[in-house]
Amino acid sequence: MRIEVDDLTGPEIAKLLAEHLADMAEATPDPRSRHALDLDGLRAPGVTVWSVWDGDELVGCGALKRLTDTHAEVKSMRTVAHRRRSGVASAVLTHIIEQARSMGYTRLSLETGSGPFYEPARKLYERFGFTYCEPFGDYRPDPNSVFMTRTL
């Protein structure tokens, strides 16, 4: 697998992110509780997106959004369905953590869903040292969301 910065112009990443947003809409019916970024949101200044490739196949992605000079948010973690639980998410999260350190961040945080659909994601983040926390940044308490953080 190779992980590279994605310029978000390819049809593969657009399709993967559209699937991501569709799954979020299904798993979290209340639009006020959906915090996934669309392509325009991921193209914003301060956001870096990485895609994960296995040969010519896009198998996943993840992003890092700057919150402050020392704090960033993990966004848009996604693995294609047929590659889930094969190490793609762990590889991209490891990469994001390494990149965040190299960018000078000392804290990473994230928001994910509280429902059963999101349990594998929460377990992944727990394995990587993320602990549950209060809402950060512009987030507010929401029964459909959980918030996690870790120091680097």
N, C-alpha and C. Protein backbone atom coordinates (compact mmCIF):
# COMPACT_ATOMS: atom_id res chain seq x y z
N MET A 1 0.84 -1.19 0.00
CA MET A 1 0.00 0.00 0.00
C MET A 1 0.88 1.24 0.00
N ARG A 2 0.41 2.24 -0.69
CA ARG A 2 1.10 3.53 -0.62
C ARG A 2 0.08 4.60 -0.21
N ILE A 3 0.56 5.56 0.54
CA ILE A 3 -0.28 6.65 1.03
C ILE A 3 0.30 7.94 0.48
N GLU A 4 -0.57 8.73 -0.15
CA GLU A 4 -0.10 9.98 -0.77
C GLU A 4 -1.12 11.08 -0.57
N VAL A 5 -0.62 12.32 -0.57
CA VAL A 5 -1.51 13.47 -0.50
C VAL A 5 -2.39 13.43 -1.74
N ASP A 6 -3.67 13.67 -1.54
CA ASP A 6 -4.64 13.62 -2.64
C ASP A 6 -5.10 15.04 -2.95
N ASP A 7 -5.11 15.40 -4.24
CA ASP A 7 -5.57 16.73 -4.63
C ASP A 7 -7.08 16.79 -4.83
N LEU A 8 -7.76 15.69 -4.61
CA LEU A 8 -9.22 15.60 -4.66
C LEU A 8 -9.81 15.90 -6.03
N THR A 9 -9.03 15.62 -7.08
CA THR A 9 -9.55 15.84 -8.44
C THR A 9 -9.91 14.55 -9.15
N GLY A 10 -9.49 13.42 -8.62
CA GLY A 10 -9.72 12.14 -9.29
C GLY A 10 -11.11 11.59 -9.05
N PRO A 11 -11.63 10.85 -10.01
CA PRO A 11 -12.97 10.27 -9.85
C PRO A 11 -13.03 9.21 -8.75
N GLU A 12 -11.92 8.52 -8.49
CA GLU A 12 -11.91 7.48 -7.46
C GLU A 12 -12.16 8.07 -6.07
N ILE A 13 -11.46 9.15 -5.74
CA ILE A 13 -11.63 9.76 -4.42
C ILE A 13 -13.00 10.40 -4.31
N ALA A 14 -13.50 10.99 -5.39
CA ALA A 14 -14.84 11.59 -5.36
C ALA A 14 -15.89 10.52 -5.09
N LYS A 15 -15.74 9.36 -5.71
CA LYS A 15 -16.69 8.26 -5.50
C LYS A 15 -16.61 7.74 -4.06
N LEU A 16 -15.40 7.54 -3.54
CA LEU A 16 -15.23 7.04 -2.19
C LEU A 16 -15.83 8.01 -1.17
N LEU A 17 -15.60 9.29 -1.36
CA LEU A 17 -16.14 10.27 -0.42
C LEU A 17 -17.65 10.40 -0.55
N ALA A 18 -18.20 10.23 -1.74
CA ALA A 18 -19.66 10.23 -1.91
C ALA A 18 -20.28 9.05 -1.17
N GLU A 19 -19.63 7.88 -1.25
CA GLU A 19 -20.09 6.71 -0.50
C GLU A 19 -20.02 6.97 1.00
N HIS A 20 -18.96 7.63 1.43
CA HIS A 20 -18.78 7.97 2.83
C HIS A 20 -19.93 8.85 3.31
N LEU A 21 -20.24 9.88 2.56
CA LEU A 21 -21.33 10.78 2.94
C LEU A 21 -22.67 10.07 2.94
N ALA A 22 -22.89 9.18 1.98
CA ALA A 22 -24.14 8.42 1.92
C ALA A 22 -24.28 7.51 3.14
N ASP A 23 -23.20 6.84 3.52
CA ASP A 23 -23.23 5.99 4.71
C ASP A 23 -23.48 6.81 5.97
N MET A 24 -22.88 7.98 6.05
CA MET A 24 -23.09 8.85 7.21
C MET A 24 -24.56 9.27 7.29
N ALA A 25 -25.16 9.57 6.14
CA ALA A 25 -26.57 9.98 6.12
C ALA A 25 -27.47 8.84 6.57
N GLU A 26 -27.13 7.62 6.19
CA GLU A 26 -27.94 6.47 6.59
C GLU A 26 -27.74 6.13 8.07
N ALA A 27 -26.51 6.18 8.53
CA ALA A 27 -26.20 5.81 9.91
C ALA A 27 -26.59 6.91 10.91
N THR A 28 -26.62 8.14 10.45
CA THR A 28 -26.95 9.29 11.30
C THR A 28 -28.01 10.12 10.59
N PRO A 29 -29.28 9.76 10.74
CA PRO A 29 -30.34 10.43 9.98
C PRO A 29 -30.49 11.93 10.25
N ASP A 30 -30.13 12.39 11.45
CA ASP A 30 -30.26 13.81 11.77
C ASP A 30 -29.09 14.58 11.14
N PRO A 31 -29.37 15.42 10.14
CA PRO A 31 -28.28 16.13 9.46
C PRO A 31 -27.47 17.03 10.39
N ARG A 32 -28.05 17.47 11.50
CA ARG A 32 -27.31 18.32 12.45
C ARG A 32 -26.22 17.52 13.17
N SER A 33 -26.34 16.20 13.13
CA SER A 33 -25.35 15.34 13.79
C SER A 33 -24.32 14.77 12.84
N ARG A 34 -24.39 15.13 11.57
CA ARG A 34 -23.42 14.65 10.58
C ARG A 34 -22.34 15.71 10.39
N HIS A 35 -21.10 15.29 10.63
CA HIS A 35 -19.99 16.25 10.57
C HIS A 35 -18.94 15.90 9.52
N ALA A 36 -19.27 14.97 8.64
CA ALA A 36 -18.33 14.61 7.57
C ALA A 36 -18.23 15.76 6.59
N LEU A 37 -17.03 16.00 6.11
CA LEU A 37 -16.80 17.07 5.14
C LEU A 37 -17.02 16.57 3.72
N ASP A 38 -17.65 17.39 2.89
CA ASP A 38 -17.77 17.07 1.47
C ASP A 38 -16.48 17.50 0.77
N LEU A 39 -16.44 17.33 -0.54
CA LEU A 39 -15.21 17.67 -1.28
C LEU A 39 -14.79 19.12 -1.07
N ASP A 40 -15.75 20.04 -1.10
CA ASP A 40 -15.40 21.44 -0.90
C ASP A 40 -14.82 21.67 0.50
N GLY A 41 -15.41 21.02 1.50
CA GLY A 41 -14.90 21.15 2.85
C GLY A 41 -13.50 20.59 3.00
N LEU A 42 -13.23 19.51 2.29
CA LEU A 42 -11.89 18.91 2.33
C LEU A 42 -10.87 19.71 1.53
N ARG A 43 -11.34 20.56 0.64
CA ARG A 43 -10.42 21.41 -0.13
C ARG A 43 -10.09 22.71 0.59
N ALA A 44 -10.66 22.93 1.75
CA ALA A 44 -10.45 24.17 2.49
C ALA A 44 -9.00 24.30 2.95
N PRO A 45 -8.55 25.54 3.11
CA PRO A 45 -7.20 25.73 3.67
C PRO A 45 -7.11 25.06 5.04
N GLY A 46 -5.96 24.49 5.33
CA GLY A 46 -5.76 23.85 6.62
C GLY A 46 -6.18 22.39 6.67
N VAL A 47 -6.65 21.85 5.54
CA VAL A 47 -7.04 20.45 5.49
C VAL A 47 -6.11 19.71 4.52
N THR A 48 -5.57 18.60 4.96
CA THR A 48 -4.77 17.73 4.10
C THR A 48 -5.46 16.38 4.04
N VAL A 49 -5.61 15.86 2.81
CA VAL A 49 -6.26 14.57 2.60
C VAL A 49 -5.22 13.61 2.03
N TRP A 50 -5.20 12.39 2.56
CA TRP A 50 -4.34 11.34 2.04
C TRP A 50 -5.21 10.23 1.48
N SER A 51 -4.80 9.68 0.37
CA SER A 51 -5.47 8.50 -0.18
C SER A 51 -4.53 7.32 -0.03
N VAL A 52 -5.15 6.14 0.09
CA VAL A 52 -4.41 4.90 0.28
C VAL A 52 -4.65 4.04 -0.96
N TRP A 53 -3.58 3.64 -1.60
CA TRP A 53 -3.66 2.88 -2.84
C TRP A 53 -3.01 1.52 -2.67
N ASP A 54 -3.62 0.53 -3.25
CA ASP A 54 -3.03 -0.80 -3.36
C ASP A 54 -2.93 -1.05 -4.86
N GLY A 55 -1.75 -0.86 -5.41
CA GLY A 55 -1.60 -0.87 -6.86
C GLY A 55 -2.37 0.30 -7.43
N ASP A 56 -3.26 0.02 -8.37
CA ASP A 56 -4.07 1.07 -8.99
C ASP A 56 -5.43 1.25 -8.32
N GLU A 57 -5.65 0.53 -7.21
CA GLU A 57 -6.96 0.59 -6.55
C GLU A 57 -6.92 1.51 -5.32
N LEU A 58 -7.83 2.46 -5.29
CA LEU A 58 -8.00 3.29 -4.11
C LEU A 58 -8.71 2.45 -3.05
N VAL A 59 -8.08 2.30 -1.89
CA VAL A 59 -8.67 1.44 -0.85
C VAL A 59 -9.05 2.21 0.41
N GLY A 60 -8.69 3.48 0.49
CA GLY A 60 -9.06 4.25 1.67
C GLY A 60 -8.56 5.67 1.63
N CYS A 61 -8.95 6.41 2.65
CA CYS A 61 -8.50 7.80 2.76
C CYS A 61 -8.62 8.26 4.20
N GLY A 62 -8.04 9.39 4.47
CA GLY A 62 -8.13 10.05 5.76
C GLY A 62 -7.64 11.47 5.61
N ALA A 63 -8.03 12.31 6.56
CA ALA A 63 -7.67 13.73 6.45
C ALA A 63 -7.30 14.28 7.82
N LEU A 64 -6.63 15.40 7.78
CA LEU A 64 -6.23 16.13 8.97
C LEU A 64 -6.64 17.58 8.77
N LYS A 65 -7.37 18.12 9.74
CA LYS A 65 -7.85 19.51 9.67
C LYS A 65 -7.21 20.30 10.81
N ARG A 66 -6.55 21.38 10.45
CA ARG A 66 -5.92 22.25 11.45
C ARG A 66 -7.00 22.95 12.26
N LEU A 67 -6.87 22.89 13.58
CA LEU A 67 -7.75 23.66 14.47
C LEU A 67 -7.01 24.85 15.06
N THR A 68 -5.79 24.60 15.56
CA THR A 68 -4.92 25.66 16.07
C THR A 68 -3.50 25.28 15.66
N ASP A 69 -2.54 26.06 16.10
CA ASP A 69 -1.14 25.73 15.79
C ASP A 69 -0.71 24.40 16.38
N THR A 70 -1.38 23.94 17.44
CA THR A 70 -0.96 22.72 18.13
C THR A 70 -2.01 21.62 18.15
N HIS A 71 -3.18 21.88 17.61
CA HIS A 71 -4.30 20.95 17.71
C HIS A 71 -4.92 20.74 16.33
N ALA A 72 -5.09 19.46 15.94
CA ALA A 72 -5.69 19.14 14.65
C ALA A 72 -6.76 18.07 14.84
N GLU A 73 -7.63 17.95 13.86
CA GLU A 73 -8.73 17.00 13.90
C GLU A 73 -8.59 15.95 12.80
N VAL A 74 -8.77 14.70 13.15
CA VAL A 74 -8.81 13.61 12.18
C VAL A 74 -10.18 13.64 11.51
N LYS A 75 -10.21 13.63 10.18
CA LYS A 75 -11.46 13.68 9.42
C LYS A 75 -11.43 12.63 8.33
N SER A 76 -12.62 12.30 7.84
CA SER A 76 -12.82 11.53 6.61
C SER A 76 -12.06 10.21 6.55
N MET A 77 -12.01 9.51 7.67
CA MET A 77 -11.42 8.17 7.66
C MET A 77 -12.40 7.24 6.95
N ARG A 78 -11.92 6.57 5.92
CA ARG A 78 -12.80 5.69 5.13
C ARG A 78 -11.97 4.58 4.50
N THR A 79 -12.51 3.37 4.54
CA THR A 79 -11.93 2.22 3.84
C THR A 79 -13.00 1.65 2.94
N VAL A 80 -12.63 1.27 1.71
CA VAL A 80 -13.61 0.64 0.82
C VAL A 80 -14.14 -0.62 1.48
N ALA A 81 -15.40 -0.95 1.21
CA ALA A 81 -16.09 -2.02 1.93
C ALA A 81 -15.35 -3.36 1.88
N HIS A 82 -14.87 -3.75 0.72
CA HIS A 82 -14.25 -5.07 0.61
C HIS A 82 -12.86 -5.15 1.23
N ARG A 83 -12.33 -4.03 1.73
CA ARG A 83 -11.01 -4.03 2.38
C ARG A 83 -11.09 -3.70 3.87
N ARG A 84 -12.29 -3.58 4.41
CA ARG A 84 -12.41 -3.29 5.84
C ARG A 84 -11.81 -4.43 6.65
N ARG A 85 -11.21 -4.06 7.76
CA ARG A 85 -10.54 -4.99 8.67
C ARG A 85 -9.35 -5.69 8.02
N SER A 86 -8.72 -4.99 7.08
CA SER A 86 -7.53 -5.56 6.43
C SER A 86 -6.28 -4.72 6.69
N GLY A 87 -6.39 -3.72 7.58
CA GLY A 87 -5.23 -2.90 7.92
C GLY A 87 -5.16 -1.55 7.24
N VAL A 88 -6.10 -1.26 6.35
CA VAL A 88 -6.07 0.02 5.64
C VAL A 88 -6.26 1.18 6.62
N ALA A 89 -7.27 1.11 7.47
CA ALA A 89 -7.54 2.19 8.42
C ALA A 89 -6.37 2.38 9.38
N SER A 90 -5.80 1.29 9.86
CA SER A 90 -4.65 1.40 10.75
C SER A 90 -3.47 2.07 10.05
N ALA A 91 -3.26 1.73 8.79
CA ALA A 91 -2.15 2.33 8.03
C ALA A 91 -2.35 3.83 7.86
N VAL A 92 -3.55 4.23 7.49
CA VAL A 92 -3.78 5.66 7.26
C VAL A 92 -3.77 6.42 8.59
N LEU A 93 -4.31 5.84 9.65
CA LEU A 93 -4.28 6.54 10.94
C LEU A 93 -2.85 6.67 11.46
N THR A 94 -2.04 5.64 11.30
CA THR A 94 -0.62 5.73 11.65
C THR A 94 0.04 6.86 10.88
N HIS A 95 -0.25 6.94 9.59
CA HIS A 95 0.32 7.99 8.74
C HIS A 95 -0.13 9.38 9.21
N ILE A 96 -1.41 9.52 9.50
CA ILE A 96 -1.93 10.81 9.94
C ILE A 96 -1.26 11.23 11.25
N ILE A 97 -1.10 10.31 12.18
CA ILE A 97 -0.45 10.64 13.44
C ILE A 97 1.00 11.06 13.21
N GLU A 98 1.72 10.34 12.36
CA GLU A 98 3.10 10.70 12.05
C GLU A 98 3.18 12.08 11.39
N GLN A 99 2.30 12.33 10.43
CA GLN A 99 2.29 13.61 9.75
C GLN A 99 1.93 14.74 10.71
N ALA A 100 0.97 14.50 11.59
CA ALA A 100 0.58 15.53 12.56
C ALA A 100 1.76 15.90 13.44
N ARG A 101 2.51 14.89 13.89
CA ARG A 101 3.70 15.17 14.69
C ARG A 101 4.70 16.01 13.90
N SER A 102 4.92 15.63 12.64
CA SER A 102 5.91 16.36 11.83
C SER A 102 5.45 17.79 11.53
N MET A 103 4.15 18.04 11.57
CA MET A 103 3.61 19.38 11.35
C MET A 103 3.61 20.22 12.63
N GLY A 104 4.03 19.61 13.75
CA GLY A 104 4.12 20.35 15.00
C GLY A 104 2.89 20.29 15.89
N TYR A 105 1.93 19.48 15.53
CA TYR A 105 0.75 19.34 16.39
C TYR A 105 1.11 18.52 17.63
N THR A 106 0.51 18.86 18.75
CA THR A 106 0.73 18.12 19.98
C THR A 106 -0.54 17.43 20.46
N ARG A 107 -1.67 17.68 19.81
CA ARG A 107 -2.94 17.04 20.15
C ARG A 107 -3.73 16.76 18.89
N LEU A 108 -4.32 15.56 18.86
CA LEU A 108 -5.25 15.18 17.80
C LEU A 108 -6.59 14.87 18.45
N SER A 109 -7.66 15.31 17.82
CA SER A 109 -9.00 15.01 18.30
C SER A 109 -9.85 14.57 17.13
N LEU A 110 -11.01 14.00 17.44
CA LEU A 110 -11.93 13.58 16.39
C LEU A 110 -13.34 13.47 16.93
N GLU A 111 -14.27 13.50 16.01
CA GLU A 111 -15.68 13.25 16.30
C GLU A 111 -16.09 12.05 15.48
N THR A 112 -16.84 11.15 16.10
CA THR A 112 -17.40 10.02 15.37
C THR A 112 -18.78 9.74 15.95
N GLY A 113 -19.50 8.88 15.30
CA GLY A 113 -20.86 8.58 15.74
C GLY A 113 -20.89 7.73 17.00
N SER A 114 -22.02 7.82 17.70
CA SER A 114 -22.19 7.06 18.93
C SER A 114 -22.92 5.73 18.72
N GLY A 115 -23.50 5.52 17.55
CA GLY A 115 -24.30 4.33 17.30
C GLY A 115 -23.48 3.11 16.96
N PRO A 116 -24.15 1.97 16.82
CA PRO A 116 -23.48 0.69 16.53
C PRO A 116 -22.67 0.70 15.23
N PHE A 117 -23.12 1.43 14.21
CA PHE A 117 -22.40 1.49 12.94
C PHE A 117 -20.96 1.97 13.15
N TYR A 118 -20.77 2.84 14.12
CA TYR A 118 -19.47 3.47 14.33
C TYR A 118 -18.59 2.73 15.34
N GLU A 119 -19.07 1.62 15.88
CA GLU A 119 -18.30 0.90 16.89
C GLU A 119 -16.92 0.47 16.39
N PRO A 120 -16.79 -0.08 15.18
CA PRO A 120 -15.44 -0.44 14.71
C PRO A 120 -14.49 0.76 14.67
N ALA A 121 -15.00 1.92 14.29
CA ALA A 121 -14.16 3.12 14.27
C ALA A 121 -13.72 3.49 15.68
N ARG A 122 -14.65 3.48 16.62
CA ARG A 122 -14.30 3.82 18.00
C ARG A 122 -13.25 2.86 18.55
N LYS A 123 -13.38 1.58 18.26
CA LYS A 123 -12.40 0.60 18.73
C LYS A 123 -11.02 0.85 18.11
N LEU A 124 -11.00 1.21 16.82
CA LEU A 124 -9.74 1.55 16.17
C LEU A 124 -9.08 2.73 16.88
N TYR A 125 -9.83 3.79 17.11
CA TYR A 125 -9.26 4.97 17.75
C TYR A 125 -8.77 4.65 19.17
N GLU A 126 -9.52 3.83 19.89
CA GLU A 126 -9.09 3.43 21.22
C GLU A 126 -7.75 2.70 21.15
N ARG A 127 -7.60 1.80 20.18
CA ARG A 127 -6.33 1.06 20.03
C ARG A 127 -5.17 2.00 19.76
N PHE A 128 -5.45 3.14 19.16
CA PHE A 128 -4.39 4.11 18.84
C PHE A 128 -4.21 5.16 19.93
N GLY A 129 -4.79 4.91 21.10
CA GLY A 129 -4.55 5.79 22.24
C GLY A 129 -5.49 6.96 22.38
N PHE A 130 -6.53 7.03 21.58
CA PHE A 130 -7.52 8.09 21.73
C PHE A 130 -8.42 7.76 22.91
N THR A 131 -8.74 8.77 23.70
CA THR A 131 -9.65 8.61 24.83
C THR A 131 -10.83 9.55 24.64
N TYR A 132 -11.92 9.22 25.30
CA TYR A 132 -13.14 10.02 25.16
C TYR A 132 -12.97 11.35 25.88
N CYS A 133 -13.58 12.38 25.30
CA CYS A 133 -13.42 13.72 25.83
C CYS A 133 -14.70 14.52 25.58
N GLU A 134 -14.70 15.73 26.06
CA GLU A 134 -15.80 16.66 25.81
C GLU A 134 -15.69 17.19 24.38
N PRO A 135 -16.77 17.77 23.86
CA PRO A 135 -16.68 18.38 22.51
C PRO A 135 -15.56 19.41 22.46
N PHE A 136 -14.95 19.53 21.31
CA PHE A 136 -13.84 20.46 21.10
C PHE A 136 -14.18 21.36 19.91
N GLY A 137 -13.38 22.39 19.70
CA GLY A 137 -13.60 23.28 18.56
C GLY A 137 -15.02 23.83 18.56
N ASP A 138 -15.69 23.74 17.41
CA ASP A 138 -17.05 24.25 17.27
C ASP A 138 -18.12 23.22 17.59
N TYR A 139 -17.74 22.03 18.00
CA TYR A 139 -18.72 20.99 18.31
C TYR A 139 -19.47 21.32 19.60
N ARG A 140 -20.68 20.81 19.68
CA ARG A 140 -21.52 20.93 20.87
C ARG A 140 -21.93 19.52 21.30
N PRO A 141 -22.32 19.35 22.55
CA PRO A 141 -22.80 18.03 22.97
C PRO A 141 -23.92 17.55 22.05
N ASP A 142 -23.87 16.26 21.72
CA ASP A 142 -24.82 15.67 20.78
C ASP A 142 -24.92 14.18 21.11
N PRO A 143 -26.12 13.67 21.35
CA PRO A 143 -26.23 12.25 21.69
C PRO A 143 -25.81 11.32 20.55
N ASN A 144 -25.72 11.84 19.33
CA ASN A 144 -25.31 11.04 18.18
C ASN A 144 -23.80 11.08 17.92
N SER A 145 -23.07 11.82 18.75
CA SER A 145 -21.63 11.98 18.56
C SER A 145 -20.87 11.60 19.81
N VAL A 146 -19.66 11.10 19.59
CA VAL A 146 -18.68 10.97 20.66
C VAL A 146 -17.43 11.70 20.19
N PHE A 147 -16.67 12.16 21.16
CA PHE A 147 -15.47 12.93 20.88
C PHE A 147 -14.30 12.23 21.55
N MET A 148 -13.18 12.22 20.85
CA MET A 148 -11.99 11.52 21.34
C MET A 148 -10.77 12.39 21.09
N THR A 149 -9.74 12.19 21.89
CA THR A 149 -8.54 12.98 21.75
C THR A 149 -7.33 12.18 22.22
N ARG A 150 -6.16 12.63 21.83
CA ARG A 150 -4.90 12.06 22.34
C ARG A 150 -3.80 13.09 22.15
N THR A 151 -2.82 13.01 23.02
CA THR A 151 -1.64 13.85 22.87
C THR A 151 -0.64 13.12 21.99
N LEU A 152 0.22 13.90 21.37
CA LEU A 152 1.26 13.34 20.49
C LEU A 152 2.63 13.49 21.15
